[in-house]
Amino acid sequence: MPVIAPNLTDARLAQVVALQPDYIYLMSNYQVTGGQFNIHENAKKIIEILHDKTPAKVGVGFGISTKKDVAACLQYADFAIVGSALKLAIDAGEIEEKVVELLGV
């Protein structure tokens, strides 16, 4: 699965599309993982381009830690990647609670 950032070039985007991946991981913004979540405007544009050029599912990650973040992500992307939030929940012994919170069940 290619991992790309909102500042990738058109040439790199073409390379990713040519790979014909099933999934693409797009960083939400230029930040360290686990930070505050927001989707950079370039990331939104890249998702649109990818959806037009490939059947790959696009996931967005970096900073997603709440149900609200997941919902915001899913306005643009096919899935949300919540790695840091789950790692922190595992470390705190609260993984079940965190999954319930993120899924809203």
PDB file of N, CA and C in Angstrom:
ATOM      1  N   MET A   1       0.858  -1.165   0.000  1.00  0.00           N
ATOM      2  CA  MET A   1       0.000   0.000   0.000  1.00  0.00           C
ATOM      3  C   MET A   1       0.909   1.235   0.000  1.00  0.00           C
ATOM      4  N   PRO A   2       0.808   2.068  -1.022  1.00  0.00           N
ATOM      5  CA  PRO A   2       1.595   3.300  -1.038  1.00  0.00           C
ATOM      6  C   PRO A   2       1.149   4.253   0.070  1.00  0.00           C
ATOM      7  N   VAL A   3       2.112   4.948   0.650  1.00  0.00           N
ATOM      8  CA  VAL A   3       1.848   5.990   1.633  1.00  0.00           C
ATOM      9  C   VAL A   3       2.264   7.301   0.990  1.00  0.00           C
ATOM     10  N   ILE A   4       1.317   8.243   0.920  1.00  0.00           N
ATOM     11  CA  ILE A   4       1.595   9.511   0.259  1.00  0.00           C
ATOM     12  C   ILE A   4       1.217  10.674   1.181  1.00  0.00           C
ATOM     13  N   ALA A   5       1.777  11.837   0.884  1.00  0.00           N
ATOM     14  CA  ALA A   5       1.513  13.040   1.666  1.00  0.00           C
ATOM     15  C   ALA A   5       0.817  14.077   0.792  1.00  0.00           C
ATOM     16  N   PRO A   6       0.184  15.064   1.412  1.00  0.00           N
ATOM     17  CA  PRO A   6      -0.532  16.087   0.650  1.00  0.00           C
ATOM     18  C   PRO A   6       0.347  16.942  -0.260  1.00  0.00           C
ATOM     19  N   ASN A   7       1.666  16.846  -0.112  1.00  0.00           N
ATOM     20  CA  ASN A   7       2.552  17.645  -0.946  1.00  0.00           C
ATOM     21  C   ASN A   7       3.203  16.841  -2.068  1.00  0.00           C
ATOM     22  N   LEU A   8       2.638  15.676  -2.411  1.00  0.00           N
ATOM     23  CA  LEU A   8       3.263  14.896  -3.465  1.00  0.00           C
ATOM     24  C   LEU A   8       3.112  15.603  -4.814  1.00  0.00           C
ATOM     25  N   THR A   9       4.059  15.340  -5.673  1.00  0.00           N
ATOM     26  CA  THR A   9       4.072  15.977  -6.989  1.00  0.00           C
ATOM     27  C   THR A   9       3.137  15.244  -7.944  1.00  0.00           C
ATOM     28  N   ASP A  10       2.816  15.888  -9.054  1.00  0.00           N
ATOM     29  CA  ASP A  10       1.993  15.238 -10.075  1.00  0.00           C
ATOM     30  C   ASP A  10       2.680  13.984 -10.611  1.00  0.00           C
ATOM     31  N   ALA A  11       4.005  14.045 -10.757  1.00  0.00           N
ATOM     32  CA  ALA A  11       4.754  12.888 -11.249  1.00  0.00           C
ATOM     33  C   ALA A  11       4.641  11.713 -10.277  1.00  0.00           C
ATOM     34  N   ARG A  12       4.758  11.992  -8.992  1.00  0.00           N
ATOM     35  CA  ARG A  12       4.640  10.925  -7.981  1.00  0.00           C
ATOM     36  C   ARG A  12       3.219  10.389  -7.940  1.00  0.00           C
ATOM     37  N   LEU A  13       2.241  11.258  -8.071  1.00  0.00           N
ATOM     38  CA  LEU A  13       0.847  10.821  -8.102  1.00  0.00           C
ATOM     39  C   LEU A  13       0.626   9.872  -9.277  1.00  0.00           C
ATOM     40  N   ALA A  14       1.183  10.194 -10.435  1.00  0.00           N
ATOM     41  CA  ALA A  14       1.061   9.320 -11.606  1.00  0.00           C
ATOM     42  C   ALA A  14       1.719   7.966 -11.349  1.00  0.00           C
ATOM     43  N   GLN A  15       2.849   7.964 -10.644  1.00  0.00           N
ATOM     44  CA  GLN A  15       3.519   6.703 -10.305  1.00  0.00           C
ATOM     45  C   GLN A  15       2.640   5.846  -9.397  1.00  0.00           C
ATOM     46  N   VAL A  16       2.011   6.469  -8.431  1.00  0.00           N
ATOM     47  CA  VAL A  16       1.142   5.744  -7.502  1.00  0.00           C
ATOM     48  C   VAL A  16      -0.047   5.143  -8.254  1.00  0.00           C
ATOM     49  N   VAL A  17      -0.657   5.924  -9.105  1.00  0.00           N
ATOM     50  CA  VAL A  17      -1.792   5.434  -9.887  1.00  0.00           C
ATOM     51  C   VAL A  17      -1.360   4.266 -10.775  1.00  0.00           C
ATOM     52  N   ALA A  18      -0.172   4.371 -11.382  1.00  0.00           N
ATOM     53  CA  ALA A  18       0.329   3.313 -12.264  1.00  0.00           C
ATOM     54  C   ALA A  18       0.563   2.001 -11.521  1.00  0.00           C
ATOM     55  N   LEU A  19       0.799   2.058 -10.229  1.00  0.00           N
ATOM     56  CA  LEU A  19       0.987   0.841  -9.434  1.00  0.00           C
ATOM     57  C   LEU A  19      -0.290   0.019  -9.327  1.00  0.00           C
ATOM     58  N   GLN A  20      -1.419   0.648  -9.557  1.00  0.00           N
ATOM     59  CA  GLN A  20      -2.742   0.028  -9.444  1.00  0.00           C
ATOM     60  C   GLN A  20      -2.948  -0.657  -8.087  1.00  0.00           C
ATOM     61  N   PRO A  21      -2.676   0.064  -6.999  1.00  0.00           N
ATOM     62  CA  PRO A  21      -2.869  -0.555  -5.684  1.00  0.00           C
ATOM     63  C   PRO A  21      -4.350  -0.691  -5.350  1.00  0.00           C
ATOM     64  N   ASP A  22      -4.635  -1.592  -4.446  1.00  0.00           N
ATOM     65  CA  ASP A  22      -6.008  -1.731  -3.955  1.00  0.00           C
ATOM     66  C   ASP A  22      -6.326  -0.655  -2.920  1.00  0.00           C
ATOM     67  N   TYR A  23      -5.299  -0.236  -2.179  1.00  0.00           N
ATOM     68  CA  TYR A  23      -5.461   0.745  -1.110  1.00  0.00           C
ATOM     69  C   TYR A  23      -4.327   1.763  -1.172  1.00  0.00           C
ATOM     70  N   ILE A  24      -4.621   2.980  -0.769  1.00  0.00           N
ATOM     71  CA  ILE A  24      -3.626   4.041  -0.683  1.00  0.00           C
ATOM     72  C   ILE A  24      -3.793   4.729   0.666  1.00  0.00           C
ATOM     73  N   TYR A  25      -2.678   4.928   1.351  1.00  0.00           N
ATOM     74  CA  TYR A  25      -2.658   5.631   2.636  1.00  0.00           C
ATOM     75  C   TYR A  25      -2.232   7.058   2.365  1.00  0.00           C
ATOM     76  N   LEU A  26      -3.095   8.014   2.672  1.00  0.00           N
ATOM     77  CA  LEU A  26      -2.806   9.427   2.495  1.00  0.00           C
ATOM     78  C   LEU A  26      -2.708  10.093   3.858  1.00  0.00           C
ATOM     79  N   MET A  27      -1.582  10.720   4.104  1.00  0.00           N
ATOM     80  CA  MET A  27      -1.418  11.485   5.342  1.00  0.00           C
ATOM     81  C   MET A  27      -2.375  12.674   5.291  1.00  0.00           C
ATOM     82  N   SER A  28      -3.041  12.940   6.394  1.00  0.00           N
ATOM     83  CA  SER A  28      -4.050  13.997   6.425  1.00  0.00           C
ATOM     84  C   SER A  28      -3.441  15.392   6.297  1.00  0.00           C
ATOM     85  N   ASN A  29      -2.217  15.540   6.757  1.00  0.00           N
ATOM     86  CA  ASN A  29      -1.619  16.856   6.805  1.00  0.00           C
ATOM     87  C   ASN A  29      -0.122  16.710   6.978  1.00  0.00           C
ATOM     88  N   TYR A  30       0.574  17.800   7.068  1.00  0.00           N
ATOM     89  CA  TYR A  30       2.017  17.801   7.313  1.00  0.00           C
ATOM     90  C   TYR A  30       2.233  17.900   8.815  1.00  0.00           C
ATOM     91  N   GLN A  31       2.217  16.773   9.484  1.00  0.00           N
ATOM     92  CA  GLN A  31       2.348  16.785  10.934  1.00  0.00           C
ATOM     93  C   GLN A  31       2.884  15.458  11.410  1.00  0.00           C
ATOM     94  N   VAL A  32       3.191  15.394  12.677  1.00  0.00           N
ATOM     95  CA  VAL A  32       3.634  14.157  13.296  1.00  0.00           C
ATOM     96  C   VAL A  32       2.394  13.347  13.651  1.00  0.00           C
ATOM     97  N   THR A  33       2.472  12.037  13.467  1.00  0.00           N
ATOM     98  CA  THR A  33       1.337  11.184  13.797  1.00  0.00           C
ATOM     99  C   THR A  33       0.965  11.352  15.262  1.00  0.00           C
ATOM    100  N   GLY A  34      -0.323  11.285  15.529  1.00  0.00           N
ATOM    101  CA  GLY A  34      -0.806  11.456  16.891  1.00  0.00           C
ATOM    102  C   GLY A  34      -1.139  12.891  17.243  1.00  0.00           C
ATOM    103  N   GLY A  35      -0.907  13.806  16.327  1.00  0.00           N
ATOM    104  CA  GLY A  35      -1.215  15.207  16.583  1.00  0.00           C
ATOM    105  C   GLY A  35      -2.691  15.501  16.397  1.00  0.00           C
ATOM    106  N   GLN A  36      -3.029  16.775  16.409  1.00  0.00           N
ATOM    107  CA  GLN A  36      -4.418  17.189  16.214  1.00  0.00           C
ATOM    108  C   GLN A  36      -4.831  16.920  14.778  1.00  0.00           C
ATOM    109  N   PHE A  37      -6.044  16.459  14.582  1.00  0.00           N
ATOM    110  CA  PHE A  37      -6.506  16.066  13.253  1.00  0.00           C
ATOM    111  C   PHE A  37      -7.092  17.231  12.472  1.00  0.00           C
ATOM    112  N   ASN A  38      -6.691  17.326  11.227  1.00  0.00           N
ATOM    113  CA  ASN A  38      -7.366  18.130  10.214  1.00  0.00           C
ATOM    114  C   ASN A  38      -6.894  17.645   8.849  1.00  0.00           C
ATOM    115  N   ILE A  39      -7.730  17.823   7.862  1.00  0.00           N
ATOM    116  CA  ILE A  39      -7.382  17.386   6.508  1.00  0.00           C
ATOM    117  C   ILE A  39      -6.935  18.604   5.711  1.00  0.00           C
ATOM    118  N   HIS A  40      -5.714  18.563   5.244  1.00  0.00           N
ATOM    119  CA  HIS A  40      -5.169  19.648   4.436  1.00  0.00           C
ATOM    120  C   HIS A  40      -5.954  19.748   3.121  1.00  0.00           C
ATOM    121  N   GLU A  41      -6.135  20.938   2.631  1.00  0.00           N
ATOM    122  CA  GLU A  41      -6.871  21.146   1.374  1.00  0.00           C
ATOM    123  C   GLU A  41      -6.261  20.350   0.223  1.00  0.00           C
ATOM    124  N   ASN A  42      -4.927  20.241   0.180  1.00  0.00           N
ATOM    125  CA  ASN A  42      -4.293  19.440  -0.875  1.00  0.00           C
ATOM    126  C   ASN A  42      -4.687  17.974  -0.767  1.00  0.00           C
ATOM    127  N   ALA A  43      -4.844  17.477   0.457  1.00  0.00           N
ATOM    128  CA  ALA A  43      -5.249  16.081   0.652  1.00  0.00           C
ATOM    129  C   ALA A  43      -6.640  15.850   0.075  1.00  0.00           C
ATOM    130  N   LYS A  44      -7.530  16.798   0.271  1.00  0.00           N
ATOM    131  CA  LYS A  44      -8.884  16.674  -0.282  1.00  0.00           C
ATOM    132  C   LYS A  44      -8.834  16.613  -1.802  1.00  0.00           C
ATOM    133  N   LYS A  45      -8.007  17.446  -2.407  1.00  0.00           N
ATOM    134  CA  LYS A  45      -7.868  17.455  -3.868  1.00  0.00           C
ATOM    135  C   LYS A  45      -7.274  16.143  -4.366  1.00  0.00           C
ATOM    136  N   ILE A  46      -6.280  15.631  -3.649  1.00  0.00           N
ATOM    137  CA  ILE A  46      -5.647  14.369  -4.039  1.00  0.00           C
ATOM    138  C   ILE A  46      -6.651  13.226  -3.980  1.00  0.00           C
ATOM    139  N   ILE A  47      -7.491  13.215  -2.969  1.00  0.00           N
ATOM    140  CA  ILE A  47      -8.519  12.171  -2.865  1.00  0.00           C
ATOM    141  C   ILE A  47      -9.442  12.227  -4.077  1.00  0.00           C
ATOM    142  N   GLU A  48      -9.861  13.404  -4.465  1.00  0.00           N
ATOM    143  CA  GLU A  48     -10.716  13.546  -5.656  1.00  0.00           C
ATOM    144  C   GLU A  48     -10.017  13.011  -6.896  1.00  0.00           C
ATOM    145  N   ILE A  49      -8.761  13.377  -7.070  1.00  0.00           N
ATOM    146  CA  ILE A  49      -8.002  12.903  -8.237  1.00  0.00           C
ATOM    147  C   ILE A  49      -7.885  11.385  -8.222  1.00  0.00           C
ATOM    148  N   LEU A  50      -7.533  10.832  -7.061  1.00  0.00           N
ATOM    149  CA  LEU A  50      -7.391   9.376  -6.954  1.00  0.00           C
ATOM    150  C   LEU A  50      -8.708   8.667  -7.240  1.00  0.00           C
ATOM    151  N   HIS A  51      -9.805   9.193  -6.735  1.00  0.00           N
ATOM    152  CA  HIS A  51     -11.100   8.572  -6.995  1.00  0.00           C
ATOM    153  C   HIS A  51     -11.460   8.619  -8.481  1.00  0.00           C
ATOM    154  N   ASP A  52     -10.980   9.650  -9.193  1.00  0.00           N
ATOM    155  CA  ASP A  52     -11.230   9.748 -10.633  1.00  0.00           C
ATOM    156  C   ASP A  52     -10.329   8.827 -11.448  1.00  0.00           C
ATOM    157  N   LYS A  53      -9.108   8.584 -10.971  1.00  0.00           N
ATOM    158  CA  LYS A  53      -8.103   7.883 -11.768  1.00  0.00           C
ATOM    159  C   LYS A  53      -7.887   6.418 -11.412  1.00  0.00           C
ATOM    160  N   THR A  54      -8.417   5.986 -10.271  1.00  0.00           N
ATOM    161  CA  THR A  54      -8.148   4.620  -9.826  1.00  0.00           C
ATOM    162  C   THR A  54      -9.310   4.106  -8.974  1.00  0.00           C
ATOM    163  N   PRO A  55      -9.531   2.795  -9.011  1.00  0.00           N
ATOM    164  CA  PRO A  55     -10.557   2.222  -8.121  1.00  0.00           C
ATOM    165  C   PRO A  55     -10.040   1.977  -6.707  1.00  0.00           C
ATOM    166  N   ALA A  56      -8.786   2.331  -6.448  1.00  0.00           N
ATOM    167  CA  ALA A  56      -8.198   2.099  -5.128  1.00  0.00           C
ATOM    168  C   ALA A  56      -9.000   2.805  -4.041  1.00  0.00           C
ATOM    169  N   LYS A  57      -9.093   2.170  -2.909  1.00  0.00           N
ATOM    170  CA  LYS A  57      -9.701   2.781  -1.732  1.00  0.00           C
ATOM    171  C   LYS A  57      -8.653   3.662  -1.068  1.00  0.00           C
ATOM    172  N   VAL A  58      -9.038   4.884  -0.728  1.00  0.00           N
ATOM    173  CA  VAL A  58      -8.110   5.844  -0.139  1.00  0.00           C
ATOM    174  C   VAL A  58      -8.421   5.995   1.343  1.00  0.00           C
ATOM    175  N   GLY A  59      -7.421   5.695   2.161  1.00  0.00           N
ATOM    176  CA  GLY A  59      -7.543   5.878   3.600  1.00  0.00           C
ATOM    177  C   GLY A  59      -6.734   7.077   4.034  1.00  0.00           C
ATOM    178  N   VAL A  60      -7.237   7.784   5.022  1.00  0.00           N
ATOM    179  CA  VAL A  60      -6.545   8.953   5.549  1.00  0.00           C
ATOM    180  C   VAL A  60      -6.166   8.680   6.993  1.00  0.00           C
ATOM    181  N   GLY A  61      -4.940   9.049   7.346  1.00  0.00           N
ATOM    182  CA  GLY A  61      -4.458   8.876   8.696  1.00  0.00           C
ATOM    183  C   GLY A  61      -3.629  10.059   9.144  1.00  0.00           C
ATOM    184  N   PHE A  62      -3.196  10.027  10.365  1.00  0.00           N
ATOM    185  CA  PHE A  62      -2.389  11.015  11.075  1.00  0.00           C
ATOM    186  C   PHE A  62      -3.295  11.935  11.869  1.00  0.00           C
ATOM    187  N   GLY A  63      -3.349  11.710  13.156  1.00  0.00           N
ATOM    188  CA  GLY A  63      -4.077  12.588  14.060  1.00  0.00           C
ATOM    189  C   GLY A  63      -5.520  12.210  14.316  1.00  0.00           C
ATOM    190  N   ILE A  64      -6.005  11.138  13.727  1.00  0.00           N
ATOM    191  CA  ILE A  64      -7.405  10.744  13.925  1.00  0.00           C
ATOM    192  C   ILE A  64      -7.513  10.015  15.261  1.00  0.00           C
ATOM    193  N   SER A  65      -8.309  10.586  16.184  1.00  0.00           N
ATOM    194  CA  SER A  65      -8.374   9.979  17.513  1.00  0.00           C
ATOM    195  C   SER A  65      -9.771   9.976  18.129  1.00  0.00           C
ATOM    196  N   THR A  66     -10.745  10.588  17.460  1.00  0.00           N
ATOM    197  CA  THR A  66     -12.100  10.627  18.007  1.00  0.00           C
ATOM    198  C   THR A  66     -13.118  10.231  16.939  1.00  0.00           C
ATOM    199  N   LYS A  67     -14.324   9.956  17.401  1.00  0.00           N
ATOM    200  CA  LYS A  67     -15.407   9.644  16.468  1.00  0.00           C
ATOM    201  C   LYS A  67     -15.661  10.824  15.526  1.00  0.00           C
ATOM    202  N   LYS A  68     -15.547  12.041  16.051  1.00  0.00           N
ATOM    203  CA  LYS A  68     -15.720  13.241  15.226  1.00  0.00           C
ATOM    204  C   LYS A  68     -14.654  13.302  14.133  1.00  0.00           C
ATOM    205  N   ASP A  69     -13.408  12.963  14.475  1.00  0.00           N
ATOM    206  CA  ASP A  69     -12.332  12.931  13.485  1.00  0.00           C
ATOM    207  C   ASP A  69     -12.622  11.903  12.397  1.00  0.00           C
ATOM    208  N   VAL A  70     -13.080  10.726  12.802  1.00  0.00           N
ATOM    209  CA  VAL A  70     -13.417   9.668  11.838  1.00  0.00           C
ATOM    210  C   VAL A  70     -14.507  10.157  10.891  1.00  0.00           C
ATOM    211  N   ALA A  71     -15.553  10.774  11.436  1.00  0.00           N
ATOM    212  CA  ALA A  71     -16.649  11.277  10.604  1.00  0.00           C
ATOM    213  C   ALA A  71     -16.155  12.337   9.620  1.00  0.00           C
ATOM    214  N   ALA A  72     -15.286  13.224  10.071  1.00  0.00           N
ATOM    215  CA  ALA A  72     -14.735  14.260   9.185  1.00  0.00           C
ATOM    216  C   ALA A  72     -13.905  13.625   8.078  1.00  0.00           C
ATOM    217  N   CYS A  73     -13.132  12.643   8.422  1.00  0.00           N
ATOM    218  CA  CYS A  73     -12.304  11.932   7.452  1.00  0.00           C
ATOM    219  C   CYS A  73     -13.160  11.252   6.386  1.00  0.00           C
ATOM    220  N   LEU A  74     -14.227  10.613   6.831  1.00  0.00           N
ATOM    221  CA  LEU A  74     -15.073   9.851   5.909  1.00  0.00           C
ATOM    222  C   LEU A  74     -15.902  10.729   4.980  1.00  0.00           C
ATOM    223  N   GLN A  75     -15.869  12.032   5.172  1.00  0.00           N
ATOM    224  CA  GLN A  75     -16.506  12.934   4.213  1.00  0.00           C
ATOM    225  C   GLN A  75     -15.741  12.926   2.894  1.00  0.00           C
ATOM    226  N   TYR A  76     -14.465  12.555   2.937  1.00  0.00           N
ATOM    227  CA  TYR A  76     -13.607  12.592   1.757  1.00  0.00           C
ATOM    228  C   TYR A  76     -13.032  11.224   1.405  1.00  0.00           C
ATOM    229  N   ALA A  77     -12.555  10.507   2.409  1.00  0.00           N
ATOM    230  CA  ALA A  77     -11.836   9.258   2.208  1.00  0.00           C
ATOM    231  C   ALA A  77     -12.762   8.052   2.326  1.00  0.00           C
ATOM    232  N   ASP A  78     -12.237   6.919   1.898  1.00  0.00           N
ATOM    233  CA  ASP A  78     -12.991   5.667   1.979  1.00  0.00           C
ATOM    234  C   ASP A  78     -12.893   5.019   3.352  1.00  0.00           C
ATOM    235  N   PHE A  79     -11.813   5.298   4.058  1.00  0.00           N
ATOM    236  CA  PHE A  79     -11.666   4.767   5.412  1.00  0.00           C
ATOM    237  C   PHE A  79     -10.710   5.645   6.204  1.00  0.00           C
ATOM    238  N   ALA A  80     -10.806   5.540   7.519  1.00  0.00           N
ATOM    239  CA  ALA A  80      -9.960   6.302   8.433  1.00  0.00           C
ATOM    240  C   ALA A  80      -8.935   5.369   9.058  1.00  0.00           C
ATOM    241  N   ILE A  81      -7.726   5.867   9.230  1.00  0.00           N
ATOM    242  CA  ILE A  81      -6.649   5.095   9.836  1.00  0.00           C
ATOM    243  C   ILE A  81      -6.372   5.707  11.215  1.00  0.00           C
ATOM    244  N   VAL A  82      -6.559   4.911  12.251  1.00  0.00           N
ATOM    245  CA  VAL A  82      -6.482   5.432  13.617  1.00  0.00           C
ATOM    246  C   VAL A  82      -5.387   4.735  14.430  1.00  0.00           C
ATOM    247  N   GLY A  83      -4.246   4.521  13.829  1.00  0.00           N
ATOM    248  CA  GLY A  83      -3.165   3.762  14.450  1.00  0.00           C
ATOM    249  C   GLY A  83      -2.702   4.284  15.788  1.00  0.00           C
ATOM    250  N   SER A  84      -2.360   5.563  15.881  1.00  0.00           N
ATOM    251  CA  SER A  84      -1.830   6.103  17.135  1.00  0.00           C
ATOM    252  C   SER A  84      -2.864   6.059  18.248  1.00  0.00           C
ATOM    253  N   ALA A  85      -4.107   6.373  17.918  1.00  0.00           N
ATOM    254  CA  ALA A  85      -5.158   6.349  18.935  1.00  0.00           C
ATOM    255  C   ALA A  85      -5.342   4.939  19.481  1.00  0.00           C
ATOM    256  N   LEU A  86      -5.269   3.944  18.616  1.00  0.00           N
ATOM    257  CA  LEU A  86      -5.420   2.564  19.077  1.00  0.00           C
ATOM    258  C   LEU A  86      -4.206   2.115  19.879  1.00  0.00           C
ATOM    259  N   LYS A  87      -3.015   2.525  19.464  1.00  0.00           N
ATOM    260  CA  LYS A  87      -1.799   2.186  20.209  1.00  0.00           C
ATOM    261  C   LYS A  87      -1.860   2.766  21.619  1.00  0.00           C
ATOM    262  N   LEU A  88      -2.275   4.027  21.733  1.00  0.00           N
ATOM    263  CA  LEU A  88      -2.395   4.646  23.052  1.00  0.00           C
ATOM    264  C   LEU A  88      -3.440   3.931  23.905  1.00  0.00           C
ATOM    265  N   ALA A  89      -4.543   3.523  23.288  1.00  0.00           N
ATOM    266  CA  ALA A  89      -5.591   2.813  24.023  1.00  0.00           C
ATOM    267  C   ALA A  89      -5.101   1.443  24.494  1.00  0.00           C
ATOM    268  N   ILE A  90      -4.332   0.765  23.657  1.00  0.00           N
ATOM    269  CA  ILE A  90      -3.762  -0.524  24.057  1.00  0.00           C
ATOM    270  C   ILE A  90      -2.837  -0.327  25.256  1.00  0.00           C
ATOM    271  N   ASP A  91      -1.966   0.674  25.155  1.00  0.00           N
ATOM    272  CA  ASP A  91      -1.022   0.950  26.247  1.00  0.00           C
ATOM    273  C   ASP A  91      -1.739   1.275  27.554  1.00  0.00           C
ATOM    274  N   ALA A  92      -2.891   1.914  27.463  1.00  0.00           N
ATOM    275  CA  ALA A  92      -3.661   2.299  28.654  1.00  0.00           C
ATOM    276  C   ALA A  92      -4.605   1.193  29.115  1.00  0.00           C
ATOM    277  N   GLY A  93      -4.654   0.083  28.382  1.00  0.00           N
ATOM    278  CA  GLY A  93      -5.565  -1.002  28.725  1.00  0.00           C
ATOM    279  C   GLY A  93      -7.022  -0.653  28.449  1.00  0.00           C
ATOM    280  N   GLU A  94      -7.243   0.228  27.460  1.00  0.00           N
ATOM    281  CA  GLU A  94      -8.596   0.710  27.162  1.00  0.00           C
ATOM    282  C   GLU A  94      -8.990   0.498  25.700  1.00  0.00           C
ATOM    283  N   ILE A  95      -8.466  -0.547  25.084  1.00  0.00           N
ATOM    284  CA  ILE A  95      -8.711  -0.739  23.651  1.00  0.00           C
ATOM    285  C   ILE A  95     -10.188  -0.969  23.343  1.00  0.00           C
ATOM    286  N   GLU A  96     -10.870  -1.771  24.138  1.00  0.00           N
ATOM    287  CA  GLU A  96     -12.291  -2.033  23.867  1.00  0.00           C
ATOM    288  C   GLU A  96     -13.106  -0.751  23.942  1.00  0.00           C
ATOM    289  N   GLU A  97     -12.839   0.056  24.940  1.00  0.00           N
ATOM    290  CA  GLU A  97     -13.567   1.317  25.093  1.00  0.00           C
ATOM    291  C   GLU A  97     -13.299   2.256  23.914  1.00  0.00           C
ATOM    292  N   LYS A  98     -12.028   2.291  23.462  1.00  0.00           N
ATOM    293  CA  LYS A  98     -11.665   3.182  22.355  1.00  0.00           C
ATOM    294  C   LYS A  98     -12.339   2.748  21.060  1.00  0.00           C
ATOM    295  N   VAL A  99     -12.373   1.461  20.808  1.00  0.00           N
ATOM    296  CA  VAL A  99     -13.042   0.960  19.592  1.00  0.00           C
ATOM    297  C   VAL A  99     -14.512   1.294  19.635  1.00  0.00           C
ATOM    298  N   VAL A 100     -15.148   1.106  20.771  1.00  0.00           N
ATOM    299  CA  VAL A 100     -16.572   1.461  20.903  1.00  0.00           C
ATOM    300  C   VAL A 100     -16.768   2.954  20.665  1.00  0.00           C
ATOM    301  N   GLU A 101     -15.894   3.776  21.227  1.00  0.00           N
ATOM    302  CA  GLU A 101     -15.994   5.233  21.033  1.00  0.00           C
ATOM    303  C   GLU A 101     -15.854   5.597  19.555  1.00  0.00           C
ATOM    304  N   LEU A 102     -14.838   5.051  18.884  1.00  0.00           N
ATOM    305  CA  LEU A 102     -14.585   5.404  17.483  1.00  0.00           C
ATOM    306  C   LEU A 102     -15.706   4.939  16.557  1.00  0.00           C
ATOM    307  N   LEU A 103     -16.272   3.783  16.854  1.00  0.00           N
ATOM    308  CA  LEU A 103     -17.342   3.252  16.011  1.00  0.00           C
ATOM    309  C   LEU A 103     -18.708   3.793  16.398  1.00  0.00           C
ATOM    310  N   GLY A 104     -18.803   4.334  17.581  1.00  0.00           N
ATOM    311  CA  GLY A 104     -20.083   4.874  18.029  1.00  0.00           C
ATOM    312  C   GLY A 104     -21.130   3.826  18.291  1.00  0.00           C
ATOM    313  N   VAL A 105     -20.679   2.639  18.730  1.00  0.00           N
ATOM    314  CA  VAL A 105     -21.632   1.549  19.020  1.00  0.00           C
ATOM    315  C   VAL A 105     -21.803   1.341  20.502  1.00  0.00           C
TER     316      VAL A 105
END
